[in-house]
Amino acid sequence: MEKRREKRLKKRVLVKFGESGFERIGFTSNVSKNGLYINSTQIYPSGRKIKILLSDGNHNFSLKGEVKWSIKYPSHFHSYIPSGMGVVIKEAPGDYYDFVGRI
């Protein structure tokens, strides 16, 4: 059974994220108009509402999302399997959708 309606595009983009600000850092491994996966050693549990600042080098996009799932591996696995979380986007500016359409 396929859960996603849209294809996720492989894209590594710097993100800063957090509950109240942008105090944590990571990278996307894939993005779509409705969600993204953030690779980071600092993750949140599912259900947590977070703010995300995504930067492609030319533009910054401020997003609001909800963690749908997360996985944290022991530190000795980080070089092989990155920890991270799947996030559904709840709010994004219009130019974010243009950005995803150009990838």
PDB file of N, CA and C in Angstrom:
ATOM      1  N   MET A   1       0.847  -1.176   0.000  1.00  0.00           N
ATOM      2  CA  MET A   1       0.000   0.000   0.000  1.00  0.00           C
ATOM      3  C   MET A   1       0.894   1.240   0.000  1.00  0.00           C
ATOM      4  N   GLU A   2       0.681   2.128  -0.944  1.00  0.00           N
ATOM      5  CA  GLU A   2       1.454   3.369  -1.069  1.00  0.00           C
ATOM      6  C   GLU A   2       0.831   4.434  -0.182  1.00  0.00           C
ATOM      7  N   LYS A   3       1.621   5.036   0.710  1.00  0.00           N
ATOM      8  CA  LYS A   3       1.125   6.072   1.613  1.00  0.00           C
ATOM      9  C   LYS A   3       1.241   7.454   1.012  1.00  0.00           C
ATOM     10  N   ARG A   4       2.237   7.674   0.167  1.00  0.00           N
ATOM     11  CA  ARG A   4       2.479   9.003  -0.394  1.00  0.00           C
ATOM     12  C   ARG A   4       1.690   9.201  -1.675  1.00  0.00           C
ATOM     13  N   ARG A   5       1.169  10.403  -1.821  1.00  0.00           N
ATOM     14  CA  ARG A   5       0.463  10.753  -3.050  1.00  0.00           C
ATOM     15  C   ARG A   5       1.401  11.372  -4.065  1.00  0.00           C
ATOM     16  N   GLU A   6       2.439  12.015  -3.564  1.00  0.00           N
ATOM     17  CA  GLU A   6       3.397  12.681  -4.447  1.00  0.00           C
ATOM     18  C   GLU A   6       4.749  12.011  -4.357  1.00  0.00           C
ATOM     19  N   LYS A   7       5.436  12.023  -5.472  1.00  0.00           N
ATOM     20  CA  LYS A   7       6.782  11.482  -5.498  1.00  0.00           C
ATOM     21  C   LYS A   7       7.714  12.416  -4.744  1.00  0.00           C
ATOM     22  N   ARG A   8       8.577  11.842  -3.928  1.00  0.00           N
ATOM     23  CA  ARG A   8       9.580  12.638  -3.227  1.00  0.00           C
ATOM     24  C   ARG A   8      10.837  12.682  -4.081  1.00  0.00           C
ATOM     25  N   LEU A   9      11.413  13.862  -4.162  1.00  0.00           N
ATOM     26  CA  LEU A   9      12.599  14.069  -4.981  1.00  0.00           C
ATOM     27  C   LEU A   9      13.836  14.081  -4.096  1.00  0.00           C
ATOM     28  N   LYS A  10      14.858  13.349  -4.505  1.00  0.00           N
ATOM     29  CA  LYS A  10      16.106  13.330  -3.729  1.00  0.00           C
ATOM     30  C   LYS A  10      16.761  14.699  -3.837  1.00  0.00           C
ATOM     31  N   LYS A  11      16.968  15.325  -2.692  1.00  0.00           N
ATOM     32  CA  LYS A  11      17.569  16.659  -2.656  1.00  0.00           C
ATOM     33  C   LYS A  11      18.179  16.875  -1.280  1.00  0.00           C
ATOM     34  N   ARG A  12      19.462  17.218  -1.262  1.00  0.00           N
ATOM     35  CA  ARG A  12      20.150  17.509   0.001  1.00  0.00           C
ATOM     36  C   ARG A  12      20.202  19.028   0.173  1.00  0.00           C
ATOM     37  N   VAL A  13      19.464  19.506   1.157  1.00  0.00           N
ATOM     38  CA  VAL A  13      19.358  20.935   1.426  1.00  0.00           C
ATOM     39  C   VAL A  13      19.509  21.140   2.939  1.00  0.00           C
ATOM     40  N   LEU A  14      20.246  22.169   3.317  1.00  0.00           N
ATOM     41  CA  LEU A  14      20.430  22.506   4.724  1.00  0.00           C
ATOM     42  C   LEU A  14      19.108  22.939   5.348  1.00  0.00           C
ATOM     43  N   VAL A  15      18.816  22.429   6.546  1.00  0.00           N
ATOM     44  CA  VAL A  15      17.639  22.863   7.294  1.00  0.00           C
ATOM     45  C   VAL A  15      18.033  23.136   8.738  1.00  0.00           C
ATOM     46  N   LYS A  16      17.396  24.134   9.298  1.00  0.00           N
ATOM     47  CA  LYS A  16      17.456  24.394  10.730  1.00  0.00           C
ATOM     48  C   LYS A  16      16.031  24.207  11.218  1.00  0.00           C
ATOM     49  N   PHE A  17      15.872  23.631  12.396  1.00  0.00           N
ATOM     50  CA  PHE A  17      14.523  23.328  12.858  1.00  0.00           C
ATOM     51  C   PHE A  17      14.458  23.317  14.379  1.00  0.00           C
ATOM     52  N   GLY A  18      13.253  23.367  14.890  1.00  0.00           N
ATOM     53  CA  GLY A  18      13.028  23.313  16.324  1.00  0.00           C
ATOM     54  C   GLY A  18      11.573  23.564  16.649  1.00  0.00           C
ATOM     55  N   GLU A  19      11.246  23.430  17.920  1.00  0.00           N
ATOM     56  CA  GLU A  19       9.865  23.662  18.339  1.00  0.00           C
ATOM     57  C   GLU A  19       9.540  25.145  18.451  1.00  0.00           C
ATOM     58  N   SER A  20      10.458  25.917  18.981  1.00  0.00           N
ATOM     59  CA  SER A  20      10.181  27.339  19.156  1.00  0.00           C
ATOM     60  C   SER A  20      11.060  28.218  18.279  1.00  0.00           C
ATOM     61  N   GLY A  21      12.147  27.671  17.774  1.00  0.00           N
ATOM     62  CA  GLY A  21      13.067  28.422  16.921  1.00  0.00           C
ATOM     63  C   GLY A  21      13.807  27.450  16.022  1.00  0.00           C
ATOM     64  N   PHE A  22      14.961  27.857  15.580  1.00  0.00           N
ATOM     65  CA  PHE A  22      15.739  27.028  14.666  1.00  0.00           C
ATOM     66  C   PHE A  22      17.040  26.614  15.344  1.00  0.00           C
ATOM     67  N   GLU A  23      16.922  25.930  16.487  1.00  0.00           N
ATOM     68  CA  GLU A  23      18.085  25.589  17.288  1.00  0.00           C
ATOM     69  C   GLU A  23      18.775  24.280  16.901  1.00  0.00           C
ATOM     70  N   ARG A  24      18.184  23.497  16.026  1.00  0.00           N
ATOM     71  CA  ARG A  24      18.776  22.232  15.590  1.00  0.00           C
ATOM     72  C   ARG A  24      19.102  22.312  14.102  1.00  0.00           C
ATOM     73  N   ILE A  25      19.999  21.425  13.654  1.00  0.00           N
ATOM     74  CA  ILE A  25      20.441  21.485  12.265  1.00  0.00           C
ATOM     75  C   ILE A  25      20.416  20.089  11.641  1.00  0.00           C
ATOM     76  N   GLY A  26      20.171  20.056  10.337  1.00  0.00           N
ATOM     77  CA  GLY A  26      20.164  18.803   9.599  1.00  0.00           C
ATOM     78  C   GLY A  26      20.168  19.063   8.105  1.00  0.00           C
ATOM     79  N   PHE A  27      19.938  18.001   7.355  1.00  0.00           N
ATOM     80  CA  PHE A  27      19.854  18.095   5.900  1.00  0.00           C
ATOM     81  C   PHE A  27      18.670  17.272   5.428  1.00  0.00           C
ATOM     82  N   THR A  28      18.036  17.717   4.371  1.00  0.00           N
ATOM     83  CA  THR A  28      16.988  16.893   3.776  1.00  0.00           C
ATOM     84  C   THR A  28      17.656  15.788   2.965  1.00  0.00           C
ATOM     85  N   SER A  29      16.968  14.682   2.819  1.00  0.00           N
ATOM     86  CA  SER A  29      17.423  13.669   1.864  1.00  0.00           C
ATOM     87  C   SER A  29      16.416  13.558   0.729  1.00  0.00           C
ATOM     88  N   ASN A  30      15.172  13.961   0.999  1.00  0.00           N
ATOM     89  CA  ASN A  30      14.177  14.063  -0.055  1.00  0.00           C
ATOM     90  C   ASN A  30      13.124  15.083   0.334  1.00  0.00           C
ATOM     91  N   VAL A  31      12.509  15.677  -0.679  1.00  0.00           N
ATOM     92  CA  VAL A  31      11.493  16.699  -0.447  1.00  0.00           C
ATOM     93  C   VAL A  31      10.330  16.511  -1.413  1.00  0.00           C
ATOM     94  N   SER A  32       9.178  16.986  -1.022  1.00  0.00           N
ATOM     95  CA  SER A  32       8.017  17.061  -1.905  1.00  0.00           C
ATOM     96  C   SER A  32       7.211  18.274  -1.464  1.00  0.00           C
ATOM     97  N   LYS A  33       6.124  18.539  -2.143  1.00  0.00           N
ATOM     98  CA  LYS A  33       5.282  19.673  -1.768  1.00  0.00           C
ATOM     99  C   LYS A  33       4.610  19.445  -0.416  1.00  0.00           C
ATOM    100  N   ASN A  34       4.415  18.181  -0.057  1.00  0.00           N
ATOM    101  CA  ASN A  34       3.692  17.879   1.179  1.00  0.00           C
ATOM    102  C   ASN A  34       4.543  17.375   2.328  1.00  0.00           C
ATOM    103  N   GLY A  35       5.820  17.094   2.081  1.00  0.00           N
ATOM    104  CA  GLY A  35       6.636  16.560   3.160  1.00  0.00           C
ATOM    105  C   GLY A  35       8.100  16.503   2.815  1.00  0.00           C
ATOM    106  N   LEU A  36       8.889  16.131   3.816  1.00  0.00           N
ATOM    107  CA  LEU A  36      10.330  15.981   3.619  1.00  0.00           C
ATOM    108  C   LEU A  36      10.886  15.052   4.683  1.00  0.00           C
ATOM    109  N   TYR A  37      12.089  14.548   4.409  1.00  0.00           N
ATOM    110  CA  TYR A  37      12.794  13.732   5.380  1.00  0.00           C
ATOM    111  C   TYR A  37      14.032  14.505   5.803  1.00  0.00           C
ATOM    112  N   ILE A  38      14.199  14.664   7.111  1.00  0.00           N
ATOM    113  CA  ILE A  38      15.338  15.400   7.660  1.00  0.00           C
ATOM    114  C   ILE A  38      16.300  14.412   8.304  1.00  0.00           C
ATOM    115  N   ASN A  39      17.536  14.380   7.820  1.00  0.00           N
ATOM    116  CA  ASN A  39      18.605  13.611   8.455  1.00  0.00           C
ATOM    117  C   ASN A  39      19.225  14.493   9.536  1.00  0.00           C
ATOM    118  N   SER A  40      19.243  13.989  10.757  1.00  0.00           N
ATOM    119  CA  SER A  40      19.830  14.730  11.868  1.00  0.00           C
ATOM    120  C   SER A  40      20.025  13.803  13.053  1.00  0.00           C
ATOM    121  N   THR A  41      21.018  14.075  13.861  1.00  0.00           N
ATOM    122  CA  THR A  41      21.193  13.310  15.090  1.00  0.00           C
ATOM    123  C   THR A  41      20.259  13.829  16.182  1.00  0.00           C
ATOM    124  N   GLN A  42      19.702  15.014  15.973  1.00  0.00           N
ATOM    125  CA  GLN A  42      18.773  15.621  16.928  1.00  0.00           C
ATOM    126  C   GLN A  42      17.382  15.559  16.321  1.00  0.00           C
ATOM    127  N   ILE A  43      16.557  14.667  16.838  1.00  0.00           N
ATOM    128  CA  ILE A  43      15.237  14.458  16.248  1.00  0.00           C
ATOM    129  C   ILE A  43      14.145  14.615  17.312  1.00  0.00           C
ATOM    130  N   TYR A  44      12.912  14.710  16.835  1.00  0.00           N
ATOM    131  CA  TYR A  44      11.748  14.794  17.697  1.00  0.00           C
ATOM    132  C   TYR A  44      10.878  13.565  17.496  1.00  0.00           C
ATOM    133  N   PRO A  45      10.071  13.217  18.487  1.00  0.00           N
ATOM    134  CA  PRO A  45       9.156  12.078  18.340  1.00  0.00           C
ATOM    135  C   PRO A  45       7.967  12.436  17.451  1.00  0.00           C
ATOM    136  N   SER A  46       7.268  11.423  16.989  1.00  0.00           N
ATOM    137  CA  SER A  46       6.108  11.648  16.135  1.00  0.00           C
ATOM    138  C   SER A  46       5.048  12.462  16.867  1.00  0.00           C
ATOM    139  N   GLY A  47       4.340  13.273  16.100  1.00  0.00           N
ATOM    140  CA  GLY A  47       3.300  14.126  16.655  1.00  0.00           C
ATOM    141  C   GLY A  47       3.767  15.513  17.047  1.00  0.00           C
ATOM    142  N   ARG A  48       5.065  15.718  17.110  1.00  0.00           N
ATOM    143  CA  ARG A  48       5.616  17.010  17.528  1.00  0.00           C
ATOM    144  C   ARG A  48       5.505  18.026  16.399  1.00  0.00           C
ATOM    145  N   LYS A  49       5.053  19.222  16.715  1.00  0.00           N
ATOM    146  CA  LYS A  49       4.974  20.334  15.759  1.00  0.00           C
ATOM    147  C   LYS A  49       6.329  21.044  15.753  1.00  0.00           C
ATOM    148  N   ILE A  50       6.869  21.287  14.552  1.00  0.00           N
ATOM    149  CA  ILE A  50       8.173  21.950  14.468  1.00  0.00           C
ATOM    150  C   ILE A  50       8.152  23.051  13.411  1.00  0.00           C
ATOM    151  N   LYS A  51       9.085  23.977  13.574  1.00  0.00           N
ATOM    152  CA  LYS A  51       9.335  25.021  12.591  1.00  0.00           C
ATOM    153  C   LYS A  51      10.598  24.619  11.837  1.00  0.00           C
ATOM    154  N   ILE A  52      10.619  24.881  10.549  1.00  0.00           N
ATOM    155  CA  ILE A  52      11.749  24.481   9.710  1.00  0.00           C
ATOM    156  C   ILE A  52      12.181  25.668   8.865  1.00  0.00           C
ATOM    157  N   LEU A  53      13.464  25.920   8.833  1.00  0.00           N
ATOM    158  CA  LEU A  53      14.032  26.919   7.937  1.00  0.00           C
ATOM    159  C   LEU A  53      14.881  26.160   6.926  1.00  0.00           C
ATOM    160  N   LEU A  54      14.430  26.107   5.692  1.00  0.00           N
ATOM    161  CA  LEU A  54      15.104  25.386   4.620  1.00  0.00           C
ATOM    162  C   LEU A  54      15.826  26.404   3.755  1.00  0.00           C
ATOM    163  N   SER A  55      17.107  26.165   3.496  1.00  0.00           N
ATOM    164  CA  SER A  55      17.904  27.105   2.720  1.00  0.00           C
ATOM    165  C   SER A  55      18.559  26.394   1.549  1.00  0.00           C
ATOM    166  N   ASP A  56      18.281  26.860   0.331  1.00  0.00           N
ATOM    167  CA  ASP A  56      18.895  26.245  -0.858  1.00  0.00           C
ATOM    168  C   ASP A  56      20.120  27.023  -1.333  1.00  0.00           C
ATOM    169  N   GLY A  57      20.584  27.973  -0.531  1.00  0.00           N
ATOM    170  CA  GLY A  57      21.732  28.790  -0.911  1.00  0.00           C
ATOM    171  C   GLY A  57      21.323  30.130  -1.486  1.00  0.00           C
ATOM    172  N   ASN A  58      20.214  30.173  -2.202  1.00  0.00           N
ATOM    173  CA  ASN A  58      19.704  31.412  -2.785  1.00  0.00           C
ATOM    174  C   ASN A  58      18.473  31.932  -2.053  1.00  0.00           C
ATOM    175  N   HIS A  59      17.694  31.021  -1.488  1.00  0.00           N
ATOM    176  CA  HIS A  59      16.441  31.390  -0.838  1.00  0.00           C
ATOM    177  C   HIS A  59      16.317  30.666   0.494  1.00  0.00           C
ATOM    178  N   ASN A  60      15.600  31.284   1.417  1.00  0.00           N
ATOM    179  CA  ASN A  60      15.233  30.655   2.680  1.00  0.00           C
ATOM    180  C   ASN A  60      13.724  30.488   2.699  1.00  0.00           C
ATOM    181  N   PHE A  61      13.277  29.321   3.133  1.00  0.00           N
ATOM    182  CA  PHE A  61      11.850  29.040   3.212  1.00  0.00           C
ATOM    183  C   PHE A  61      11.510  28.667   4.650  1.00  0.00           C
ATOM    184  N   SER A  62      10.568  29.389   5.230  1.00  0.00           N
ATOM    185  CA  SER A  62      10.134  29.116   6.590  1.00  0.00           C
ATOM    186  C   SER A  62       8.876  28.248   6.523  1.00  0.00           C
ATOM    187  N   LEU A  63       8.972  27.035   7.064  1.00  0.00           N
ATOM    188  CA  LEU A  63       7.891  26.056   6.999  1.00  0.00           C
ATOM    189  C   LEU A  63       7.433  25.681   8.398  1.00  0.00           C
ATOM    190  N   LYS A  64       6.212  25.200   8.488  1.00  0.00           N
ATOM    191  CA  LYS A  64       5.709  24.593   9.721  1.00  0.00           C
ATOM    192  C   LYS A  64       5.323  23.170   9.373  1.00  0.00           C
ATOM    193  N   GLY A  65       5.677  22.242  10.249  1.00  0.00           N
ATOM    194  CA  GLY A  65       5.391  20.848   9.965  1.00  0.00           C
ATOM    195  C   GLY A  65       5.098  20.045  11.214  1.00  0.00           C
ATOM    196  N   GLU A  66       4.766  18.789  10.977  1.00  0.00           N
ATOM    197  CA  GLU A  66       4.508  17.845  12.063  1.00  0.00           C
ATOM    198  C   GLU A  66       5.306  16.585  11.791  1.00  0.00           C
ATOM    199  N   VAL A  67       6.026  16.130  12.798  1.00  0.00           N
ATOM    200  CA  VAL A  67       6.809  14.901  12.670  1.00  0.00           C
ATOM    201  C   VAL A  67       5.840  13.725  12.608  1.00  0.00           C
ATOM    202  N   LYS A  68       5.920  12.955  11.538  1.00  0.00           N
ATOM    203  CA  LYS A  68       5.060  11.783  11.375  1.00  0.00           C
ATOM    204  C   LYS A  68       5.722  10.529  11.913  1.00  0.00           C
ATOM    205  N   TRP A  69       7.030  10.448  11.770  1.00  0.00           N
ATOM    206  CA  TRP A  69       7.785   9.330  12.329  1.00  0.00           C
ATOM    207  C   TRP A  69       9.248   9.732  12.441  1.00  0.00           C
ATOM    208  N   SER A  70       9.955   9.062  13.332  1.00  0.00           N
ATOM    209  CA  SER A  70      11.378   9.341  13.493  1.00  0.00           C
ATOM    210  C   SER A  70      12.091   8.066  13.913  1.00  0.00           C
ATOM    211  N   ILE A  71      13.384   8.053  13.631  1.00  0.00           N
ATOM    212  CA  ILE A  71      14.204   6.906  14.002  1.00  0.00           C
ATOM    213  C   ILE A  71      15.572   7.402  14.432  1.00  0.00           C
ATOM    214  N   LYS A  72      16.036   6.903  15.557  1.00  0.00           N
ATOM    215  CA  LYS A  72      17.330   7.309  16.105  1.00  0.00           C
ATOM    216  C   LYS A  72      18.185   6.055  16.258  1.00  0.00           C
ATOM    217  N   TYR A  73      19.297   6.056  15.559  1.00  0.00           N
ATOM    218  CA  TYR A  73      20.239   4.942  15.650  1.00  0.00           C
ATOM    219  C   TYR A  73      21.336   5.282  16.651  1.00  0.00           C
ATOM    220  N   PRO A  74      21.974   4.264  17.234  1.00  0.00           N
ATOM    221  CA  PRO A  74      23.109   4.533  18.128  1.00  0.00           C
ATOM    222  C   PRO A  74      24.206   5.294  17.387  1.00  0.00           C
ATOM    223  N   SER A  75      24.980   6.075  18.118  1.00  0.00           N
ATOM    224  CA  SER A  75      25.972   6.958  17.502  1.00  0.00           C
ATOM    225  C   SER A  75      26.990   6.222  16.642  1.00  0.00           C
ATOM    226  N   HIS A  76      27.323   4.975  16.953  1.00  0.00           N
ATOM    227  CA  HIS A  76      28.307   4.258  16.146  1.00  0.00           C
ATOM    228  C   HIS A  76      27.753   3.850  14.774  1.00  0.00           C
ATOM    229  N   PHE A  77      26.460   4.017  14.522  1.00  0.00           N
ATOM    230  CA  PHE A  77      25.868   3.736  13.213  1.00  0.00           C
ATOM    231  C   PHE A  77      25.722   4.977  12.337  1.00  0.00           C
ATOM    232  N   HIS A  78      25.917   6.179  12.888  1.00  0.00           N
ATOM    233  CA  HIS A  78      25.628   7.423  12.167  1.00  0.00           C
ATOM    234  C   HIS A  78      26.348   7.554  10.839  1.00  0.00           C
ATOM    235  N   SER A  79      27.539   7.007  10.716  1.00  0.00           N
ATOM    236  CA  SER A  79      28.247   7.128   9.435  1.00  0.00           C
ATOM    237  C   SER A  79      27.675   6.171   8.388  1.00  0.00           C
ATOM    238  N   TYR A  80      26.900   5.180   8.819  1.00  0.00           N
ATOM    239  CA  TYR A  80      26.311   4.209   7.887  1.00  0.00           C
ATOM    240  C   TYR A  80      24.831   4.451   7.643  1.00  0.00           C
ATOM    241  N   ILE A  81      24.110   4.725   8.731  1.00  0.00           N
ATOM    242  CA  ILE A  81      22.655   4.904   8.658  1.00  0.00           C
ATOM    243  C   ILE A  81      22.300   6.176   9.414  1.00  0.00           C
ATOM    244  N   PRO A  82      21.931   7.235   8.712  1.00  0.00           N
ATOM    245  CA  PRO A  82      21.623   8.482   9.426  1.00  0.00           C
ATOM    246  C   PRO A  82      20.272   8.425  10.140  1.00  0.00           C
ATOM    247  N   SER A  83      20.248   8.937  11.353  1.00  0.00           N
ATOM    248  CA  SER A  83      18.988   9.096  12.076  1.00  0.00           C
ATOM    249  C   SER A  83      18.207  10.221  11.414  1.00  0.00           C
ATOM    250  N   GLY A  84      16.918  10.235  11.626  1.00  0.00           N
ATOM    251  CA  GLY A  84      16.136  11.306  11.031  1.00  0.00           C
ATOM    252  C   GLY A  84      14.652  11.168  11.285  1.00  0.00           C
ATOM    253  N   MET A  85      13.888  12.003  10.565  1.00  0.00           N
ATOM    254  CA  MET A  85      12.441  12.026  10.765  1.00  0.00           C
ATOM    255  C   MET A  85      11.712  12.442   9.495  1.00  0.00           C
ATOM    256  N   GLY A  86      10.566  11.842   9.315  1.00  0.00           N
ATOM    257  CA  GLY A  86       9.668  12.201   8.230  1.00  0.00           C
ATOM    258  C   GLY A  86       8.717  13.272   8.721  1.00  0.00           C
ATOM    259  N   VAL A  87       8.624  14.361   7.981  1.00  0.00           N
ATOM    260  CA  VAL A  87       7.820  15.506   8.404  1.00  0.00           C
ATOM    261  C   VAL A  87       6.787  15.833   7.327  1.00  0.00           C
ATOM    262  N   VAL A  88       5.541  15.993   7.734  1.00  0.00           N
ATOM    263  CA  VAL A  88       4.509  16.463   6.821  1.00  0.00           C
ATOM    264  C   VAL A  88       4.441  17.979   6.958  1.00  0.00           C
ATOM    265  N   ILE A  89       4.385  18.673   5.828  1.00  0.00           N
ATOM    266  CA  ILE A  89       4.350  20.133   5.835  1.00  0.00           C
ATOM    267  C   ILE A  89       2.917  20.600   6.049  1.00  0.00           C
ATOM    268  N   LYS A  90       2.748  21.425   7.067  1.00  0.00           N
ATOM    269  CA  LYS A  90       1.430  21.974   7.396  1.00  0.00           C
ATOM    270  C   LYS A  90       1.243  23.385   6.860  1.00  0.00           C
ATOM    271  N   GLU A  91       2.357  24.125   6.737  1.00  0.00           N
ATOM    272  CA  GLU A  91       2.282  25.506   6.262  1.00  0.00           C
ATOM    273  C   GLU A  91       3.584  25.867   5.566  1.00  0.00           C
ATOM    274  N   ALA A  92       3.471  26.469   4.367  1.00  0.00           N
ATOM    275  CA  ALA A  92       4.659  26.863   3.601  1.00  0.00           C
ATOM    276  C   ALA A  92       4.310  28.056   2.722  1.00  0.00           C
ATOM    277  N   PRO A  93       5.292  28.912   2.428  1.00  0.00           N
ATOM    278  CA  PRO A  93       5.043  30.028   1.520  1.00  0.00           C
ATOM    279  C   PRO A  93       4.922  29.525   0.082  1.00  0.00           C
ATOM    280  N   GLY A  94       4.266  30.305  -0.748  1.00  0.00           N
ATOM    281  CA  GLY A  94       4.057  29.926  -2.143  1.00  0.00           C
ATOM    282  C   GLY A  94       5.334  29.661  -2.908  1.00  0.00           C
ATOM    283  N   ASP A  95       6.408  30.413  -2.598  1.00  0.00           N
ATOM    284  CA  ASP A  95       7.644  30.206  -3.343  1.00  0.00           C
ATOM    285  C   ASP A  95       8.315  28.876  -3.002  1.00  0.00           C
ATOM    286  N   TYR A  96       7.958  28.252  -1.863  1.00  0.00           N
ATOM    287  CA  TYR A  96       8.475  26.918  -1.565  1.00  0.00           C
ATOM    288  C   TYR A  96       7.955  25.921  -2.606  1.00  0.00           C
ATOM    289  N   TYR A  97       6.690  26.038  -2.949  1.00  0.00           N
ATOM    290  CA  TYR A  97       6.094  25.127  -3.924  1.00  0.00           C
ATOM    291  C   TYR A  97       6.727  25.325  -5.311  1.00  0.00           C
ATOM    292  N   ASP A  98       7.055  26.570  -5.638  1.00  0.00           N
ATOM    293  CA  ASP A  98       7.783  26.850  -6.884  1.00  0.00           C
ATOM    294  C   ASP A  98       9.162  26.190  -6.845  1.00  0.00           C
ATOM    295  N   PHE A  99       9.841  26.287  -5.708  1.00  0.00           N
ATOM    296  CA  PHE A  99      11.161  25.678  -5.515  1.00  0.00           C
ATOM    297  C   PHE A  99      11.091  24.160  -5.743  1.00  0.00           C
ATOM    298  N   VAL A 100      10.131  23.508  -5.123  1.00  0.00           N
ATOM    299  CA  VAL A 100       9.996  22.060  -5.276  1.00  0.00           C
ATOM    300  C   VAL A 100       9.672  21.695  -6.720  1.00  0.00           C
ATOM    301  N   GLY A 101       8.887  22.515  -7.381  1.00  0.00           N
ATOM    302  CA  GLY A 101       8.556  22.267  -8.781  1.00  0.00           C
ATOM    303  C   GLY A 101       9.751  22.392  -9.718  1.00  0.00           C
ATOM    304  N   ARG A 102      10.772  23.148  -9.302  1.00  0.00           N
ATOM    305  CA  ARG A 102      11.968  23.320 -10.134  1.00  0.00           C
ATOM    306  C   ARG A 102      13.022  22.251  -9.919  1.00  0.00           C
ATOM    307  N   ILE A 103      12.919  21.474  -8.863  1.00  0.00           N
ATOM    308  CA  ILE A 103      13.941  20.459  -8.561  1.00  0.00           C
ATOM    309  C   ILE A 103      13.902  19.351  -9.604  1.00  0.00           C
TER     310      ILE A 103
END
